[in-house]
Amino acid sequence: QGQPDPDFVFLWLSPHLPAMMRRGALCMSLVGVASGKIYFSETFGDGWESRWTPSKWKESEGTAGKWVASAGKWFSDEVEDKGIQTSED
């Protein structure tokens, strides 16, 4: 009843403990690096055509599709979830 758990004692006496602590500290510090700030966001609302320039590269071959704003097949909010896609191949 008053004896410490042998596994707990072994962990604290283990020569690998400093390496484990360094690895744990490194992982915890990377959590802060992984969260970031959004510098660019596009909602593709009214006037998106004036903010985006379509490529002319495939136009001469006739293989360039036209871009349209669409929420696609699956969306939660049709207005908020809009993106651009090619309407024809």
N, C-alpha and C. Protein backbone atom coordinates (compact mmCIF):
# COMPACT_ATOMS: atom_id res chain seq x y z
N GLN A 1 0.82 -1.19 0.00
CA GLN A 1 0.00 0.00 0.00
C GLN A 1 0.87 1.26 0.00
N GLY A 2 1.94 1.29 0.76
CA GLY A 2 2.78 2.47 0.81
C GLY A 2 3.92 2.42 -0.20
N GLN A 3 4.01 1.36 -0.99
CA GLN A 3 5.10 1.20 -1.94
C GLN A 3 4.76 1.90 -3.26
N PRO A 4 5.73 2.60 -3.88
CA PRO A 4 5.47 3.23 -5.17
C PRO A 4 5.36 2.19 -6.28
N ASP A 5 4.63 2.54 -7.30
CA ASP A 5 4.46 1.68 -8.46
C ASP A 5 5.82 1.48 -9.14
N PRO A 6 6.26 0.23 -9.35
CA PRO A 6 7.58 0.00 -9.94
C PRO A 6 7.72 0.59 -11.34
N ASP A 7 6.64 0.59 -12.14
CA ASP A 7 6.72 1.18 -13.49
C ASP A 7 6.94 2.68 -13.41
N PHE A 8 6.30 3.35 -12.44
CA PHE A 8 6.47 4.78 -12.28
C PHE A 8 7.90 5.11 -11.87
N VAL A 9 8.46 4.33 -10.95
CA VAL A 9 9.84 4.54 -10.52
C VAL A 9 10.79 4.31 -11.67
N PHE A 10 10.54 3.27 -12.46
CA PHE A 10 11.41 2.97 -13.60
C PHE A 10 11.39 4.12 -14.61
N LEU A 11 10.21 4.69 -14.85
CA LEU A 11 10.11 5.79 -15.82
C LEU A 11 10.96 6.98 -15.38
N TRP A 12 10.89 7.33 -14.10
CA TRP A 12 11.64 8.49 -13.62
C TRP A 12 13.13 8.22 -13.53
N LEU A 13 13.52 6.96 -13.40
CA LEU A 13 14.94 6.62 -13.33
C LEU A 13 15.50 6.27 -14.71
N SER A 14 14.64 6.25 -15.71
CA SER A 14 15.06 5.87 -17.06
C SER A 14 16.02 6.90 -17.65
N PRO A 15 17.09 6.41 -18.32
CA PRO A 15 18.02 7.36 -18.96
C PRO A 15 17.39 8.05 -20.17
N HIS A 16 16.26 7.56 -20.64
CA HIS A 16 15.61 8.14 -21.82
C HIS A 16 14.65 9.27 -21.46
N LEU A 17 14.45 9.53 -20.19
CA LEU A 17 13.51 10.56 -19.77
C LEU A 17 13.83 11.93 -20.34
N PRO A 18 15.09 12.40 -20.29
CA PRO A 18 15.36 13.73 -20.87
C PRO A 18 15.01 13.80 -22.35
N ALA A 19 15.29 12.73 -23.09
CA ALA A 19 14.95 12.72 -24.52
C ALA A 19 13.44 12.75 -24.70
N MET A 20 12.72 12.02 -23.86
CA MET A 20 11.26 12.01 -23.95
C MET A 20 10.70 13.39 -23.62
N MET A 21 11.27 14.04 -22.64
CA MET A 21 10.79 15.37 -22.26
C MET A 21 11.09 16.38 -23.36
N ARG A 22 12.27 16.27 -23.97
CA ARG A 22 12.59 17.18 -25.08
C ARG A 22 11.62 16.96 -26.25
N ARG A 23 11.36 15.71 -26.55
CA ARG A 23 10.45 15.40 -27.65
C ARG A 23 9.04 15.93 -27.35
N GLY A 24 8.60 15.76 -26.11
CA GLY A 24 7.29 16.28 -25.72
C GLY A 24 7.23 17.79 -25.79
N ALA A 25 8.30 18.46 -25.33
CA ALA A 25 8.34 19.92 -25.39
C ALA A 25 8.34 20.40 -26.82
N LEU A 26 9.06 19.70 -27.69
CA LEU A 26 9.09 20.06 -29.10
C LEU A 26 7.70 19.93 -29.73
N CYS A 27 7.02 18.84 -29.43
CA CYS A 27 5.67 18.64 -29.98
C CYS A 27 4.72 19.73 -29.49
N MET A 28 4.81 20.09 -28.23
CA MET A 28 3.94 21.13 -27.68
C MET A 28 4.25 22.49 -28.31
N SER A 29 5.51 22.76 -28.60
CA SER A 29 5.85 24.04 -29.20
C SER A 29 5.39 24.11 -30.65
N LEU A 30 5.33 22.97 -31.34
CA LEU A 30 4.87 22.96 -32.73
C LEU A 30 3.38 23.22 -32.84
N VAL A 31 2.63 22.96 -31.79
CA VAL A 31 1.20 23.24 -31.80
C VAL A 31 0.97 24.74 -32.02
N GLY A 32 1.77 25.56 -31.38
CA GLY A 32 1.65 27.01 -31.55
C GLY A 32 2.04 27.45 -32.94
N VAL A 33 3.00 26.78 -33.56
CA VAL A 33 3.43 27.12 -34.91
C VAL A 33 2.37 26.71 -35.92
N ALA A 34 1.67 25.61 -35.67
CA ALA A 34 0.69 25.09 -36.62
C ALA A 34 -0.52 25.99 -36.75
N SER A 35 -0.88 26.70 -35.70
CA SER A 35 -2.01 27.60 -35.81
C SER A 35 -1.51 28.91 -36.41
N GLY A 36 -2.20 29.40 -37.40
CA GLY A 36 -1.71 30.59 -38.08
C GLY A 36 -2.81 31.59 -38.38
N LYS A 37 -2.43 32.66 -39.03
CA LYS A 37 -3.35 33.73 -39.38
C LYS A 37 -3.70 33.60 -40.86
N ILE A 38 -4.93 33.88 -41.20
CA ILE A 38 -5.37 33.84 -42.59
C ILE A 38 -5.07 35.19 -43.22
N TYR A 39 -4.24 35.17 -44.28
CA TYR A 39 -3.86 36.42 -44.94
C TYR A 39 -4.68 36.68 -46.19
N PHE A 40 -5.30 35.66 -46.75
CA PHE A 40 -6.09 35.83 -47.96
C PHE A 40 -7.33 34.95 -47.86
N SER A 41 -8.46 35.53 -48.15
CA SER A 41 -9.71 34.78 -48.15
C SER A 41 -10.59 35.32 -49.26
N GLU A 42 -11.15 34.42 -50.04
CA GLU A 42 -12.03 34.82 -51.15
C GLU A 42 -13.36 34.12 -50.96
N THR A 43 -14.44 34.88 -51.02
CA THR A 43 -15.77 34.30 -50.84
C THR A 43 -16.51 34.11 -52.17
N PHE A 44 -15.97 34.61 -53.26
CA PHE A 44 -16.56 34.49 -54.59
C PHE A 44 -17.98 35.01 -54.62
N GLY A 45 -18.18 36.13 -53.94
CA GLY A 45 -19.48 36.80 -53.97
C GLY A 45 -19.58 37.65 -55.24
N ASP A 46 -20.47 38.64 -55.21
CA ASP A 46 -20.66 39.51 -56.38
C ASP A 46 -19.36 40.20 -56.76
N GLY A 47 -19.07 40.23 -58.05
CA GLY A 47 -17.89 40.92 -58.56
C GLY A 47 -16.62 40.10 -58.55
N TRP A 48 -16.70 38.79 -58.31
CA TRP A 48 -15.48 37.97 -58.28
C TRP A 48 -14.78 37.97 -59.64
N GLU A 49 -15.54 38.15 -60.72
CA GLU A 49 -14.94 38.14 -62.06
C GLU A 49 -13.93 39.28 -62.25
N SER A 50 -14.15 40.40 -61.57
CA SER A 50 -13.22 41.53 -61.69
C SER A 50 -11.94 41.31 -60.87
N ARG A 51 -11.99 40.38 -59.91
CA ARG A 51 -10.81 40.11 -59.07
C ARG A 51 -9.98 38.94 -59.57
N TRP A 52 -10.49 38.16 -60.49
CA TRP A 52 -9.78 36.99 -61.01
C TRP A 52 -9.59 37.14 -62.51
N THR A 53 -8.43 36.76 -63.00
CA THR A 53 -8.13 36.85 -64.43
C THR A 53 -8.05 35.45 -65.02
N PRO A 54 -8.95 35.12 -65.94
CA PRO A 54 -8.89 33.78 -66.55
C PRO A 54 -7.68 33.66 -67.47
N SER A 55 -7.15 32.47 -67.54
CA SER A 55 -5.99 32.20 -68.39
C SER A 55 -6.39 32.19 -69.86
N LYS A 56 -5.51 32.67 -70.71
CA LYS A 56 -5.72 32.65 -72.16
C LYS A 56 -4.94 31.50 -72.81
N TRP A 57 -4.23 30.71 -72.00
CA TRP A 57 -3.31 29.71 -72.49
C TRP A 57 -3.97 28.68 -73.41
N LYS A 58 -5.10 28.12 -73.05
CA LYS A 58 -5.76 27.07 -73.85
C LYS A 58 -6.87 27.61 -74.73
N GLU A 59 -7.05 28.92 -74.74
CA GLU A 59 -8.13 29.51 -75.52
C GLU A 59 -7.98 29.22 -77.02
N SER A 60 -6.76 29.30 -77.54
CA SER A 60 -6.54 29.09 -78.98
C SER A 60 -6.83 27.65 -79.39
N GLU A 61 -6.70 26.70 -78.47
CA GLU A 61 -7.00 25.31 -78.78
C GLU A 61 -8.48 24.99 -78.63
N GLY A 62 -9.21 25.90 -78.01
CA GLY A 62 -10.63 25.68 -77.78
C GLY A 62 -10.91 24.75 -76.60
N THR A 63 -9.90 24.54 -75.75
CA THR A 63 -10.09 23.62 -74.62
C THR A 63 -10.22 24.34 -73.28
N ALA A 64 -10.23 25.66 -73.31
CA ALA A 64 -10.37 26.42 -72.05
C ALA A 64 -11.85 26.48 -71.67
N GLY A 65 -12.15 26.08 -70.45
CA GLY A 65 -13.53 26.14 -69.97
C GLY A 65 -13.85 27.51 -69.41
N LYS A 66 -15.13 27.79 -69.26
CA LYS A 66 -15.55 29.06 -68.66
C LYS A 66 -15.71 28.85 -67.16
N TRP A 67 -15.36 29.89 -66.41
CA TRP A 67 -15.46 29.81 -64.96
C TRP A 67 -16.82 30.32 -64.50
N VAL A 68 -17.42 29.62 -63.54
CA VAL A 68 -18.67 30.06 -62.93
C VAL A 68 -18.55 29.90 -61.42
N ALA A 69 -19.25 30.73 -60.69
CA ALA A 69 -19.30 30.61 -59.23
C ALA A 69 -20.39 29.60 -58.88
N SER A 70 -20.03 28.61 -58.10
CA SER A 70 -20.98 27.57 -57.74
C SER A 70 -20.64 27.00 -56.37
N ALA A 71 -21.66 26.56 -55.66
CA ALA A 71 -21.44 25.91 -54.36
C ALA A 71 -21.19 24.42 -54.55
N GLY A 72 -21.33 23.92 -55.77
CA GLY A 72 -21.11 22.50 -56.03
C GLY A 72 -22.32 21.67 -55.64
N LYS A 73 -22.10 20.37 -55.55
CA LYS A 73 -23.20 19.45 -55.24
C LYS A 73 -23.52 19.42 -53.75
N TRP A 74 -22.49 19.49 -52.89
CA TRP A 74 -22.69 19.37 -51.45
C TRP A 74 -22.26 20.66 -50.77
N PHE A 75 -23.16 21.26 -50.05
CA PHE A 75 -22.85 22.51 -49.35
C PHE A 75 -23.75 22.66 -48.15
N SER A 76 -23.30 23.47 -47.22
CA SER A 76 -24.09 23.78 -46.04
C SER A 76 -24.90 25.05 -46.27
N ASP A 77 -24.23 26.07 -46.77
CA ASP A 77 -24.86 27.36 -47.08
C ASP A 77 -24.45 27.71 -48.50
N GLU A 78 -25.40 27.74 -49.40
CA GLU A 78 -25.10 27.91 -50.83
C GLU A 78 -24.33 29.21 -51.11
N VAL A 79 -24.66 30.28 -50.44
CA VAL A 79 -23.99 31.56 -50.68
C VAL A 79 -22.58 31.56 -50.10
N GLU A 80 -22.44 31.09 -48.86
CA GLU A 80 -21.14 31.10 -48.17
C GLU A 80 -20.16 30.09 -48.75
N ASP A 81 -20.64 28.97 -49.29
CA ASP A 81 -19.77 27.90 -49.75
C ASP A 81 -19.44 27.97 -51.23
N LYS A 82 -19.66 29.11 -51.87
CA LYS A 82 -19.38 29.24 -53.28
C LYS A 82 -17.88 29.24 -53.56
N GLY A 83 -17.53 28.65 -54.68
CA GLY A 83 -16.17 28.67 -55.20
C GLY A 83 -16.29 28.79 -56.71
N ILE A 84 -15.16 28.81 -57.40
CA ILE A 84 -15.24 28.87 -58.86
C ILE A 84 -14.88 27.50 -59.41
N GLN A 85 -15.52 27.17 -60.52
CA GLN A 85 -15.25 25.91 -61.21
C GLN A 85 -15.43 26.12 -62.69
N THR A 86 -14.87 25.22 -63.48
CA THR A 86 -15.08 25.32 -64.93
C THR A 86 -16.44 24.70 -65.24
N SER A 87 -17.21 25.38 -66.08
CA SER A 87 -18.56 24.92 -66.40
C SER A 87 -18.59 23.98 -67.59
N GLU A 88 -17.50 23.96 -68.33
CA GLU A 88 -17.43 23.08 -69.51
C GLU A 88 -15.99 22.60 -69.66
N ASP A 89 -15.83 21.43 -70.19
CA ASP A 89 -14.47 20.89 -70.40
C ASP A 89 -14.01 21.12 -71.83
